PDB file of N, CA and C in Angstrom:
ATOM      1  N   UNK A   1       0.625  -1.116   0.023  1.00  0.00           N
ATOM      2  CA  UNK A   1       0.178  -0.057  -0.032  1.00  0.00           C
ATOM      3  C   UNK A   1       0.759   1.296  -0.072  1.00  0.00           C
ATOM      4  N   UNK A   2       1.981   1.338   0.809  1.00  0.00           N
ATOM      5  CA  UNK A   2       3.038   2.300   0.722  1.00  0.00           C
ATOM      6  C   UNK A   2       3.516   2.379  -0.704  1.00  0.00           C
ATOM      7  N   UNK A   3       4.265   1.446  -1.174  1.00  0.00           N
ATOM      8  CA  UNK A   3       4.516   1.364  -2.728  1.00  0.00           C
ATOM      9  C   UNK A   3       3.601   1.897  -3.534  1.00  0.00           C
ATOM     10  N   UNK A   4       2.092   1.574  -3.407  1.00  0.00           N
ATOM     11  CA  UNK A   4       1.312   2.177  -4.352  1.00  0.00           C
ATOM     12  C   UNK A   4       1.264   3.639  -4.308  1.00  0.00           C
ATOM     13  N   UNK A   5       1.359   4.249  -2.964  1.00  0.00           N
ATOM     14  CA  UNK A   5       1.195   5.427  -2.872  1.00  0.00           C
ATOM     15  C   UNK A   5       2.544   6.283  -3.572  1.00  0.00           C
ATOM     16  N   UNK A   6       3.849   5.541  -3.273  1.00  0.00           N
ATOM     17  CA  UNK A   6       4.963   6.225  -4.011  1.00  0.00           C
ATOM     18  C   UNK A   6       4.796   6.189  -5.494  1.00  0.00           C
ATOM     19  N   UNK A   7       4.231   5.248  -6.000  1.00  0.00           N
ATOM     20  CA  UNK A   7       4.023   5.241  -7.663  1.00  0.00           C
ATOM     21  C   UNK A   7       3.054   6.029  -7.745  1.00  0.00           C
ATOM     22  N   UNK A   8       2.154   6.439  -7.133  1.00  0.00           N
ATOM     23  CA  UNK A   8       0.869   7.201  -7.470  1.00  0.00           C
ATOM     24  C   UNK A   8      -0.247   6.627  -7.853  1.00  0.00           C
ATOM     25  N   UNK A   9      -0.204   5.462  -7.466  1.00  0.00           N
ATOM     26  CA  UNK A   9      -1.456   4.450  -7.642  1.00  0.00           C
ATOM     27  C   UNK A   9      -2.629   4.874  -6.664  1.00  0.00           C
ATOM     28  N   UNK A  10      -3.689   4.861  -7.006  1.00  0.00           N
ATOM     29  CA  UNK A  10      -4.915   5.016  -5.991  1.00  0.00           C
ATOM     30  C   UNK A  10      -5.906   4.303  -6.510  1.00  0.00           C
ATOM     31  N   UNK A  11      -6.859   4.163  -5.714  1.00  0.00           N
ATOM     32  CA  UNK A  11      -8.266   3.203  -6.029  1.00  0.00           C
ATOM     33  C   UNK A  11      -8.899   3.854  -7.185  1.00  0.00           C
ATOM     34  N   UNK A  12      -8.762   5.039  -7.473  1.00  0.00           N
ATOM     35  CA  UNK A  12      -9.472   5.958  -8.523  1.00  0.00           C
ATOM     36  C   UNK A  12      -8.598   5.716  -9.872  1.00  0.00           C
ATOM     37  N   UNK A  13      -7.512   5.379  -9.860  1.00  0.00           N
ATOM     38  CA  UNK A  13      -6.749   5.287 -11.091  1.00  0.00           C
ATOM     39  C   UNK A  13      -6.014   3.962 -11.266  1.00  0.00           C
ATOM     40  N   UNK A  14      -6.258   2.947 -10.522  1.00  0.00           N
ATOM     41  CA  UNK A  14      -5.467   1.644 -10.567  1.00  0.00           C
ATOM     42  C   UNK A  14      -5.867   1.026 -11.969  1.00  0.00           C
ATOM     43  N   UNK A  15      -7.021   1.056 -12.424  1.00  0.00           N
ATOM     44  CA  UNK A  15      -7.423   0.390 -13.659  1.00  0.00           C
ATOM     45  C   UNK A  15      -6.618   1.125 -14.689  1.00  0.00           C
ATOM     46  N   UNK A  16      -6.587   2.363 -14.595  1.00  0.00           N
ATOM     47  CA  UNK A  16      -5.781   3.133 -15.747  1.00  0.00           C
ATOM     48  C   UNK A  16      -4.198   2.742 -15.671  1.00  0.00           C
ATOM     49  N   UNK A  17      -3.814   2.582 -14.299  1.00  0.00           N
ATOM     50  CA  UNK A  17      -2.326   2.330 -14.286  1.00  0.00           C
ATOM     51  C   UNK A  17      -1.963   0.921 -14.801  1.00  0.00           C
ATOM     52  N   UNK A  18      -2.880  -0.050 -15.045  1.00  0.00           N
ATOM     53  CA  UNK A  18      -2.416  -1.259 -15.698  1.00  0.00           C
ATOM     54  C   UNK A  18      -2.060  -1.240 -17.079  1.00  0.00           C
ATOM     55  N   UNK A  19      -2.192  -0.053 -17.587  1.00  0.00           N
ATOM     56  CA  UNK A  19      -1.798   0.338 -19.009  1.00  0.00           C
ATOM     57  C   UNK A  19      -0.490   1.072 -18.989  1.00  0.00           C
ATOM     58  N   UNK A  20       0.263   1.344 -17.814  1.00  0.00           N
ATOM     59  CA  UNK A  20       1.412   2.169 -17.741  1.00  0.00           C
ATOM     60  C   UNK A  20       2.488   1.408 -18.262  1.00  0.00           C
ATOM     61  N   UNK A  21       3.606   2.019 -18.884  1.00  0.00           N
ATOM     62  CA  UNK A  21       4.682   1.616 -19.467  1.00  0.00           C
ATOM     63  C   UNK A  21       5.805   1.595 -18.368  1.00  0.00           C
ATOM     64  N   UNK A  22       5.622   1.896 -17.099  1.00  0.00           N
ATOM     65  CA  UNK A  22       6.575   1.851 -16.016  1.00  0.00           C
ATOM     66  C   UNK A  22       6.778   0.574 -15.527  1.00  0.00           C
ATOM     67  N   UNK A  23       7.957  -0.413 -15.682  1.00  0.00           N
ATOM     68  CA  UNK A  23       8.108  -1.551 -15.441  1.00  0.00           C
ATOM     69  C   UNK A  23       7.878  -1.788 -13.836  1.00  0.00           C
ATOM     70  N   UNK A  24       8.056  -0.663 -12.810  1.00  0.00           N
ATOM     71  CA  UNK A  24       7.899  -1.007 -11.372  1.00  0.00           C
ATOM     72  C   UNK A  24       6.474  -0.980 -11.291  1.00  0.00           C
ATOM     73  N   UNK A  25       5.498  -0.208 -12.185  1.00  0.00           N
ATOM     74  CA  UNK A  25       3.903  -0.338 -11.756  1.00  0.00           C
ATOM     75  C   UNK A  25       3.556  -1.661 -12.486  1.00  0.00           C
ATOM     76  N   UNK A  26       4.202  -2.103 -13.596  1.00  0.00           N
ATOM     77  CA  UNK A  26       3.753  -3.342 -14.167  1.00  0.00           C
ATOM     78  C   UNK A  26       4.036  -4.604 -13.135  1.00  0.00           C
ATOM     79  N   UNK A  27       5.146  -4.692 -12.538  1.00  0.00           N
ATOM     80  CA  UNK A  27       5.489  -5.641 -11.536  1.00  0.00           C
ATOM     81  C   UNK A  27       4.352  -5.574 -10.495  1.00  0.00           C
ATOM     82  N   UNK A  28       4.336  -4.141  -9.815  1.00  0.00           N
ATOM     83  CA  UNK A  28       3.534  -4.219  -8.636  1.00  0.00           C
ATOM     84  C   UNK A  28       2.132  -4.503  -8.798  1.00  0.00           C
ATOM     85  N   UNK A  29       1.525  -4.336  -9.973  1.00  0.00           N
ATOM     86  CA  UNK A  29       0.240  -4.546 -10.183  1.00  0.00           C
ATOM     87  C   UNK A  29      -0.077  -5.924 -10.804  1.00  0.00           C
ATOM     88  N   UNK A  30       0.995  -6.768 -11.199  1.00  0.00           N
ATOM     89  CA  UNK A  30       1.062  -8.048 -11.702  1.00  0.00           C
ATOM     90  C   UNK A  30       0.696  -8.168 -13.204  1.00  0.00           C
ATOM     91  N   UNK A  31       1.098  -7.017 -13.980  1.00  0.00           N
ATOM     92  CA  UNK A  31       1.008  -7.329 -15.378  1.00  0.00           C
ATOM     93  C   UNK A  31       2.129  -7.826 -15.790  1.00  0.00           C
ATOM     94  N   UNK A  32       3.221  -7.671 -15.288  1.00  0.00           N
ATOM     95  CA  UNK A  32       4.437  -8.512 -15.531  1.00  0.00           C
ATOM     96  C   UNK A  32       4.545  -9.601 -14.343  1.00  0.00           C
ATOM     97  N   UNK A  33       4.110 -10.822 -14.742  1.00  0.00           N
ATOM     98  CA  UNK A  33       4.073 -11.990 -13.666  1.00  0.00           C
ATOM     99  C   UNK A  33       5.343 -12.164 -12.835  1.00  0.00           C
ATOM    100  N   UNK A  34       5.182 -12.867 -11.629  1.00  0.00           N
ATOM    101  CA  UNK A  34       6.279 -13.291 -11.107  1.00  0.00           C
ATOM    102  C   UNK A  34       6.300 -12.822  -9.337  1.00  0.00           C
ATOM    103  N   UNK A  35       5.818 -11.708  -9.209  1.00  0.00           N
ATOM    104  CA  UNK A  35       6.056 -11.458  -7.667  1.00  0.00           C
ATOM    105  C   UNK A  35       4.902 -12.145  -6.910  1.00  0.00           C
ATOM    106  N   UNK A  36       3.898 -12.083  -7.583  1.00  0.00           N
ATOM    107  CA  UNK A  36       2.578 -12.715  -6.680  1.00  0.00           C
ATOM    108  C   UNK A  36       2.946 -14.335  -6.602  1.00  0.00           C
ATOM    109  N   UNK A  37       3.363 -14.858  -7.601  1.00  0.00           N
ATOM    110  CA  UNK A  37       3.839 -16.296  -7.442  1.00  0.00           C
ATOM    111  C   UNK A  37       4.754 -16.619  -6.386  1.00  0.00           C
ATOM    112  N   UNK A  38       5.748 -15.582  -6.346  1.00  0.00           N
ATOM    113  CA  UNK A  38       6.958 -15.773  -5.626  1.00  0.00           C
ATOM    114  C   UNK A  38       6.495 -15.774  -4.038  1.00  0.00           C
ATOM    115  N   UNK A  39       5.175 -14.926  -3.744  1.00  0.00           N
ATOM    116  CA  UNK A  39       4.791 -14.967  -2.489  1.00  0.00           C
ATOM    117  C   UNK A  39       3.696 -15.953  -2.127  1.00  0.00           C
ATOM    118  N   UNK A  40       3.606 -16.501  -3.207  1.00  0.00           N
ATOM    119  CA  UNK A  40       2.463 -17.827  -3.086  1.00  0.00           C
ATOM    120  C   UNK A  40       1.107 -16.925  -3.063  1.00  0.00           C
ATOM    121  N   UNK A  41       0.793 -15.855  -3.560  1.00  0.00           N
ATOM    122  CA  UNK A  41      -0.361 -15.065  -3.972  1.00  0.00           C
ATOM    123  C   UNK A  41      -0.661 -15.114  -5.436  1.00  0.00           C
ATOM    124  N   UNK A  42      -2.074 -14.654  -5.685  1.00  0.00           N
ATOM    125  CA  UNK A  42      -2.415 -14.445  -6.930  1.00  0.00           C
ATOM    126  C   UNK A  42      -1.529 -13.269  -7.600  1.00  0.00           C
ATOM    127  N   UNK A  43      -1.278 -13.158  -8.827  1.00  0.00           N
ATOM    128  CA  UNK A  43      -0.502 -12.078  -9.555  1.00  0.00           C
ATOM    129  C   UNK A  43      -1.176 -10.860  -9.379  1.00  0.00           C
ATOM    130  N   UNK A  44      -2.371 -10.596  -9.088  1.00  0.00           N
ATOM    131  CA  UNK A  44      -3.080  -9.388  -9.115  1.00  0.00           C
ATOM    132  C   UNK A  44      -3.412  -8.994  -7.735  1.00  0.00           C
ATOM    133  N   UNK A  45      -2.649  -9.580  -6.655  1.00  0.00           N
ATOM    134  CA  UNK A  45      -3.040  -9.195  -5.208  1.00  0.00           C
ATOM    135  C   UNK A  45      -3.032  -7.933  -4.874  1.00  0.00           C
ATOM    136  N   UNK A  46      -1.784  -7.065  -5.563  1.00  0.00           N
ATOM    137  CA  UNK A  46      -1.525  -5.838  -5.279  1.00  0.00           C
ATOM    138  C   UNK A  46      -2.745  -4.883  -5.758  1.00  0.00           C
ATOM    139  N   UNK A  47      -3.064  -5.354  -7.058  1.00  0.00           N
ATOM    140  CA  UNK A  47      -4.186  -4.498  -7.833  1.00  0.00           C
ATOM    141  C   UNK A  47      -5.297  -4.875  -7.044  1.00  0.00           C
ATOM    142  N   UNK A  48      -5.841  -5.835  -6.431  1.00  0.00           N
ATOM    143  CA  UNK A  48      -7.012  -6.212  -5.855  1.00  0.00           C
ATOM    144  C   UNK A  48      -7.058  -5.267  -4.580  1.00  0.00           C
ATOM    145  N   UNK A  49      -5.992  -5.065  -3.696  1.00  0.00           N
ATOM    146  CA  UNK A  49      -5.997  -4.459  -2.483  1.00  0.00           C
ATOM    147  C   UNK A  49      -6.282  -3.073  -2.823  1.00  0.00           C
ATOM    148  N   UNK A  50      -5.560  -2.288  -3.750  1.00  0.00           N
ATOM    149  CA  UNK A  50      -5.457  -0.978  -3.979  1.00  0.00           C
ATOM    150  C   UNK A  50      -6.848  -0.520  -4.616  1.00  0.00           C
ATOM    151  N   UNK A  51      -7.382  -1.522  -5.251  1.00  0.00           N
ATOM    152  CA  UNK A  51      -9.015  -1.369  -6.112  1.00  0.00           C
ATOM    153  C   UNK A  51      -9.900  -1.194  -4.913  1.00  0.00           C
ATOM    154  N   UNK A  52      -9.770  -2.289  -3.947  1.00  0.00           N
ATOM    155  CA  UNK A  52     -10.763  -2.321  -2.742  1.00  0.00           C
ATOM    156  C   UNK A  52     -10.835  -1.358  -1.742  1.00  0.00           C
ATOM    157  N   UNK A  53      -9.406  -0.934  -1.267  1.00  0.00           N
ATOM    158  CA  UNK A  53      -9.419  -0.265  -0.095  1.00  0.00           C
ATOM    159  C   UNK A  53      -8.318   1.038  -0.461  1.00  0.00           C
ATOM    160  N   UNK A  54      -7.680   1.267  -1.491  1.00  0.00           N
ATOM    161  CA  UNK A  54      -6.810   2.296  -1.573  1.00  0.00           C
ATOM    162  C   UNK A  54      -5.316   2.092  -1.364  1.00  0.00           C
ATOM    163  N   UNK A  55      -4.499   3.223  -1.526  1.00  0.00           N
ATOM    164  CA  UNK A  55      -3.065   3.045  -1.009  1.00  0.00           C
ATOM    165  C   UNK A  55      -3.174   3.456   0.332  1.00  0.00           C
ATOM    166  N   UNK A  56      -1.676   3.465   1.085  1.00  0.00           N
ATOM    167  CA  UNK A  56      -1.812   3.924   2.366  1.00  0.00           C
ATOM    168  C   UNK A  56      -2.309   5.300   2.739  1.00  0.00           C
ATOM    169  N   UNK A  57      -1.974   6.194   1.838  1.00  0.00           N
ATOM    170  CA  UNK A  57      -2.561   7.473   2.143  1.00  0.00           C
ATOM    171  C   UNK A  57      -4.044   7.664   2.095  1.00  0.00           C
ATOM    172  N   UNK A  58      -4.593   7.057   1.155  1.00  0.00           N
ATOM    173  CA  UNK A  58      -6.078   6.896   1.309  1.00  0.00           C
ATOM    174  C   UNK A  58      -6.644   6.213   2.147  1.00  0.00           C
ATOM    175  N   UNK A  59      -6.126   5.154   2.718  1.00  0.00           N
ATOM    176  CA  UNK A  59      -6.808   4.536   3.944  1.00  0.00           C
ATOM    177  C   UNK A  59      -6.482   5.327   5.233  1.00  0.00           C
ATOM    178  N   UNK A  60      -5.404   5.995   5.327  1.00  0.00           N
ATOM    179  CA  UNK A  60      -5.079   6.856   6.557  1.00  0.00           C
ATOM    180  C   UNK A  60      -6.022   7.978   6.628  1.00  0.00           C
ATOM    181  N   UNK A  61      -6.185   8.786   5.456  1.00  0.00           N
ATOM    182  CA  UNK A  61      -7.186   9.848   5.397  1.00  0.00           C
ATOM    183  C   UNK A  61      -8.570   9.456   5.629  1.00  0.00           C
ATOM    184  N   UNK A  62      -8.785   8.287   5.119  1.00  0.00           N
ATOM    185  CA  UNK A  62     -10.158   7.752   5.324  1.00  0.00           C
ATOM    186  C   UNK A  62     -10.689   7.538   6.690  1.00  0.00           C
ATOM    187  N   UNK A  63      -9.586   6.977   7.496  1.00  0.00           N
ATOM    188  CA  UNK A  63      -9.995   6.396   8.732  1.00  0.00           C
ATOM    189  C   UNK A  63      -9.423   7.211  10.077  1.00  0.00           C
ATOM    190  N   UNK A  64      -8.336   8.202   9.647  1.00  0.00           N
ATOM    191  CA  UNK A  64      -7.909   8.827  10.937  1.00  0.00           C
ATOM    192  C   UNK A  64      -7.487  10.144  10.560  1.00  0.00           C
ATOM    193  N   UNK A  65      -7.591  10.572   9.403  1.00  0.00           N
ATOM    194  CA  UNK A  65      -6.885  11.839   8.686  1.00  0.00           C
ATOM    195  C   UNK A  65      -7.592  12.909   9.205  1.00  0.00           C
ATOM    196  N   UNK A  66      -7.226  13.956   8.533  1.00  0.00           N
ATOM    197  CA  UNK A  66      -7.574  15.444   8.787  1.00  0.00           C
ATOM    198  C   UNK A  66      -9.050  15.551   8.837  1.00  0.00           C
ATOM    199  N   UNK A  67      -9.640  14.920   7.992  1.00  0.00           N
ATOM    200  CA  UNK A  67     -11.343  15.246   7.811  1.00  0.00           C
ATOM    201  C   UNK A  67     -12.221  14.071   8.397  1.00  0.00           C
ATOM    202  N   UNK A  68     -11.427  13.390   9.547  1.00  0.00           N
ATOM    203  CA  UNK A  68     -12.278  12.529  10.316  1.00  0.00           C
ATOM    204  C   UNK A  68     -12.360  13.189  11.512  1.00  0.00           C
ATOM    205  N   UNK A  69     -13.093  12.575  12.556  1.00  0.00           N
ATOM    206  CA  UNK A  69     -13.291  13.016  13.984  1.00  0.00           C
ATOM    207  C   UNK A  69     -12.193  12.842  14.674  1.00  0.00           C
ATOM    208  N   UNK A  70     -11.197  12.246  14.116  1.00  0.00           N
ATOM    209  CA  UNK A  70      -9.975  12.185  14.968  1.00  0.00           C
ATOM    210  C   UNK A  70      -9.003  13.125  14.630  1.00  0.00           C
ATOM    211  N   UNK A  71      -9.160  13.515  13.242  1.00  0.00           N
ATOM    212  CA  UNK A  71      -8.502  14.823  12.671  1.00  0.00           C
ATOM    213  C   UNK A  71      -6.947  14.675  12.794  1.00  0.00           C
ATOM    214  N   UNK A  72      -6.301  13.585  12.596  1.00  0.00           N
ATOM    215  CA  UNK A  72      -4.800  13.545  12.676  1.00  0.00           C
ATOM    216  C   UNK A  72      -4.148  13.772  11.243  1.00  0.00           C
ATOM    217  N   UNK A  73      -3.081  14.514  11.524  1.00  0.00           N
ATOM    218  CA  UNK A  73      -2.414  14.963  10.352  1.00  0.00           C
ATOM    219  C   UNK A  73      -1.376  13.685  10.004  1.00  0.00           C
ATOM    220  N   UNK A  74      -0.934  13.663   8.823  1.00  0.00           N
ATOM    221  CA  UNK A  74      -0.166  12.577   8.490  1.00  0.00           C
ATOM    222  C   UNK A  74       1.291  12.690   9.322  1.00  0.00           C
ATOM    223  N   UNK A  75       1.869  13.753   9.462  1.00  0.00           N
ATOM    224  CA  UNK A  75       3.028  13.880  10.042  1.00  0.00           C
ATOM    225  C   UNK A  75       3.964  12.808   9.827  1.00  0.00           C
ATOM    226  N   UNK A  76       4.529  12.164  10.685  1.00  0.00           N
ATOM    227  CA  UNK A  76       5.712  11.261  10.743  1.00  0.00           C
ATOM    228  C   UNK A  76       5.152   9.975   9.673  1.00  0.00           C
ATOM    229  N   UNK A  77       3.706   9.907   9.487  1.00  0.00           N
ATOM    230  CA  UNK A  77       3.073   8.982   8.934  1.00  0.00           C
ATOM    231  C   UNK A  77       2.926   9.322   7.182  1.00  0.00           C
ATOM    232  N   UNK A  78       3.682  10.281   6.898  1.00  0.00           N
ATOM    233  CA  UNK A  78       3.654  10.521   5.453  1.00  0.00           C
ATOM    234  C   UNK A  78       4.891   9.846   4.989  1.00  0.00           C
ATOM    235  N   UNK A  79       4.952   9.792   3.539  1.00  0.00           N
ATOM    236  CA  UNK A  79       5.960   9.108   2.692  1.00  0.00           C
ATOM    237  C   UNK A  79       7.315   9.827   3.245  1.00  0.00           C
ATOM    238  N   UNK A  80       8.307   9.007   3.176  1.00  0.00           N
ATOM    239  CA  UNK A  80       9.723   9.704   3.280  1.00  0.00           C
ATOM    240  C   UNK A  80       9.961  10.712   2.279  1.00  0.00           C
ATOM    241  N   UNK A  81       9.443  10.833   1.237  1.00  0.00           N
ATOM    242  CA  UNK A  81       9.649  11.781   0.237  1.00  0.00           C
ATOM    243  C   UNK A  81       9.024  13.068   0.577  1.00  0.00           C
ATOM    244  N   UNK A  82       8.084  12.960   1.650  1.00  0.00           N
ATOM    245  CA  UNK A  82       7.028  14.116   2.143  1.00  0.00           C
ATOM    246  C   UNK A  82       7.639  14.709   3.542  1.00  0.00           C
ATOM    247  N   UNK A  83       8.892  14.080   3.879  1.00  0.00           N
ATOM    248  CA  UNK A  83       9.032  14.147   5.355  1.00  0.00           C
ATOM    249  C   UNK A  83       8.727  13.313   6.235  1.00  0.00           C
ATOM    250  N   UNK A  84       7.879  12.269   5.951  1.00  0.00           N
ATOM    251  CA  UNK A  84       7.674  11.214   6.895  1.00  0.00           C
ATOM    252  C   UNK A  84       8.754  10.191   7.056  1.00  0.00           C
ATOM    253  N   UNK A  85       8.150   9.099   7.697  1.00  0.00           N
ATOM    254  CA  UNK A  85       8.863   7.770   7.788  1.00  0.00           C
ATOM    255  C   UNK A  85       8.448   6.775   6.995  1.00  0.00           C
ATOM    256  N   UNK A  86       7.442   6.665   6.275  1.00  0.00           N
ATOM    257  CA  UNK A  86       6.776   5.557   5.566  1.00  0.00           C
ATOM    258  C   UNK A  86       7.640   5.492   4.300  1.00  0.00           C
ATOM    259  N   UNK A  87       8.279   4.183   4.244  1.00  0.00           N
ATOM    260  CA  UNK A  87       9.223   3.962   2.903  1.00  0.00           C
ATOM    261  C   UNK A  87       8.861   2.501   2.594  1.00  0.00           C
ATOM    262  N   UNK A  88       8.811   2.006   1.619  1.00  0.00           N
ATOM    263  CA  UNK A  88       8.672   0.793   1.246  1.00  0.00           C
ATOM    264  C   UNK A  88      10.020   0.386   0.220  1.00  0.00           C
ATOM    265  N   UNK A  89      10.564  -0.993   0.880  1.00  0.00           N
ATOM    266  CA  UNK A  89      11.716  -1.200  -0.109  1.00  0.00           C
ATOM    267  C   UNK A  89      11.025  -1.625  -1.497  1.00  0.00           C
ATOM    268  N   UNK A  90      12.049  -1.720  -2.565  1.00  0.00           N
ATOM    269  CA  UNK A  90      11.745  -2.009  -3.667  1.00  0.00           C
ATOM    270  C   UNK A  90      11.133  -3.294  -3.881  1.00  0.00           C
ATOM    271  N   UNK A  91      10.095  -3.356  -4.777  1.00  0.00           N
ATOM    272  CA  UNK A  91       9.144  -4.332  -4.854  1.00  0.00           C
ATOM    273  C   UNK A  91       9.356  -5.282  -6.249  1.00  0.00           C
ATOM    274  N   UNK A  92      10.585  -6.298  -5.920  1.00  0.00           N
ATOM    275  CA  UNK A  92      11.040  -6.936  -7.136  1.00  0.00           C
ATOM    276  C   UNK A  92      10.853  -8.510  -6.934  1.00  0.00           C
TER     277      UNK A  92
END
């Protein structure tokens, strides 16, 4: 889910991202097979997760984010590229 956010994949654009020429996105979404099988999962497992619940940022904002009753800012829960601590190792 963190990797999806880093790659700009959301529940709204995941279907369009299946057509991406980016090899990282192709591997992550299972367009290029291998990762799912290596984990004992369906090749489209990441696609299915993102399609159903979204990336890490979407889940955070929907459940505890600024527009919820908890109103928690991302802070250290932001991606490392945005000053937070969230980092996903390369997905190969």
